[in-house]
Amino acid sequence: MNEKVRLNTRFDGKISDHIRKILTDKNYLATQKNVDIEETSNNYNFIGNNRKPYYAMNWLSKKAISSQNQKKGDSAGYFFYETSEGFKFKSIDGLLAQEK
């Protein structure tokens, strides 16, 4: 689906909302898998410019700041990945702060 679909609209709001929309909206990837997205605190508006969905989500992960355990200017960003359980969008600081 990544090769067939292009982002060509404007996205306004939080980055976590953009990721959720790209993954679940019927106009984009429309995945049936579970989606586990950690909430972001920063807003980021952009125009899709015919980018591929996975490229755009990876690009957005570098700009995201967690609302739980990061602050602006002191953020490591996010990881976007897929497991057998579904898609994950998690902050790097949150993953490193977990117990082993």
Protein backbone atom coordinates (compact mmCIF):
# COMPACT_ATOMS: atom_id res chain seq x y z
CA MET A 1 0.00 0.00 0.00
CA ASN A 2 2.91 2.36 0.62
CA GLU A 3 3.68 2.37 -3.12
CA LYS A 4 0.07 2.99 -4.17
CA VAL A 5 -0.94 5.73 -1.71
CA ARG A 6 0.34 9.30 -1.55
CA LEU A 7 -0.29 12.01 1.04
CA ASN A 8 -1.63 15.03 -0.80
CA THR A 9 -3.64 16.94 1.81
CA ARG A 10 -2.83 19.38 4.59
CA PHE A 11 -2.43 17.97 8.11
CA ASP A 12 -3.06 20.28 11.09
CA GLY A 13 -2.67 19.43 14.78
CA LYS A 14 -0.66 17.03 16.89
CA ILE A 15 1.82 14.65 15.29
CA SER A 16 0.26 11.65 17.05
CA ASP A 17 -3.08 12.52 15.40
CA HIS A 18 -1.37 12.66 11.99
CA ILE A 19 0.15 9.20 12.51
CA ARG A 20 -3.21 7.76 13.61
CA LYS A 21 -4.97 9.30 10.61
CA ILE A 22 -2.40 8.03 8.09
CA LEU A 23 -2.57 4.49 9.50
CA THR A 24 -6.33 4.14 9.96
CA ASP A 25 -8.03 6.47 7.44
CA LYS A 26 -9.58 4.71 4.44
CA ASN A 27 -8.00 7.29 2.10
CA TYR A 28 -4.51 6.28 3.22
CA LEU A 29 -3.29 2.93 4.62
CA ALA A 30 -6.55 1.77 6.31
CA THR A 31 -4.79 -0.84 8.44
CA GLN A 32 -6.76 -3.45 10.35
CA LYS A 33 -3.88 -4.04 12.78
CA ASN A 34 -3.72 -2.65 16.31
CA VAL A 35 -2.29 0.87 16.54
CA ASP A 36 -0.43 1.85 19.74
CA ILE A 37 0.45 5.55 19.61
CA GLU A 38 2.01 7.51 22.48
CA GLU A 39 0.50 10.99 22.67
CA THR A 40 2.62 13.95 21.54
CA SER A 41 2.52 17.46 22.98
CA ASN A 42 3.61 19.53 20.01
CA ASN A 43 1.56 20.63 17.03
CA TYR A 44 3.05 20.36 13.56
CA ASN A 45 1.25 21.42 10.40
CA PHE A 46 2.41 20.21 7.00
CA ILE A 47 1.26 19.49 3.47
CA GLY A 48 1.72 15.94 2.22
CA ASN A 49 3.40 16.94 -1.10
CA ASN A 50 2.75 13.46 -2.54
CA ARG A 51 5.00 11.76 0.03
CA LYS A 52 4.66 8.04 0.65
CA PRO A 53 2.91 7.30 3.98
CA TYR A 54 5.74 5.38 5.68
CA TYR A 55 8.31 7.96 4.60
CA ALA A 56 6.15 10.74 6.06
CA MET A 57 5.61 8.89 9.36
CA ASN A 58 9.34 8.28 9.73
CA TRP A 59 10.00 11.96 8.95
CA LEU A 60 7.41 13.05 11.57
CA SER A 61 8.91 10.77 14.24
CA LYS A 62 12.02 12.98 14.37
CA LYS A 63 9.91 16.07 15.10
CA ALA A 64 7.65 14.61 17.82
CA ILE A 65 7.86 15.47 21.53
CA SER A 66 6.17 13.24 24.12
CA SER A 67 3.54 14.78 26.35
CA GLN A 68 4.53 12.43 29.20
CA ASN A 69 8.29 12.36 29.56
CA GLN A 70 9.95 14.89 27.25
CA LYS A 71 10.18 18.64 26.97
CA LYS A 72 10.86 20.91 24.03
CA GLY A 73 14.56 21.17 23.22
CA ASP A 74 15.34 18.05 25.26
CA SER A 75 13.77 15.31 23.16
CA ALA A 76 15.26 12.25 21.51
CA GLY A 77 12.28 11.81 19.18
CA TYR A 78 10.13 8.77 18.48
CA PHE A 79 10.39 5.32 16.96
CA PHE A 80 7.78 4.19 14.44
CA TYR A 81 7.81 0.41 13.97
CA GLU A 82 5.65 -2.62 13.27
CA THR A 83 5.53 -5.85 15.28
CA SER A 84 3.38 -8.95 15.02
CA GLU A 85 0.94 -7.20 17.39
CA GLY A 86 0.52 -4.07 15.25
CA PHE A 87 2.02 -0.64 14.68
CA LYS A 88 3.82 1.26 17.46
CA PHE A 89 4.72 4.96 17.72
CA LYS A 90 6.69 5.37 20.95
CA SER A 91 9.05 7.99 22.36
CA ILE A 92 12.67 6.92 22.66
CA ASP A 93 12.92 8.34 26.19
CA GLY A 94 9.79 6.43 27.22
CA LEU A 95 11.17 3.15 25.87
CA LEU A 96 14.49 3.63 27.64
CA ALA A 97 12.79 4.52 30.94
CA GLN A 98 10.92 1.19 31.07
CA GLU A 99 11.99 -1.62 33.34
CA LYS A 100 14.00 -4.41 31.76
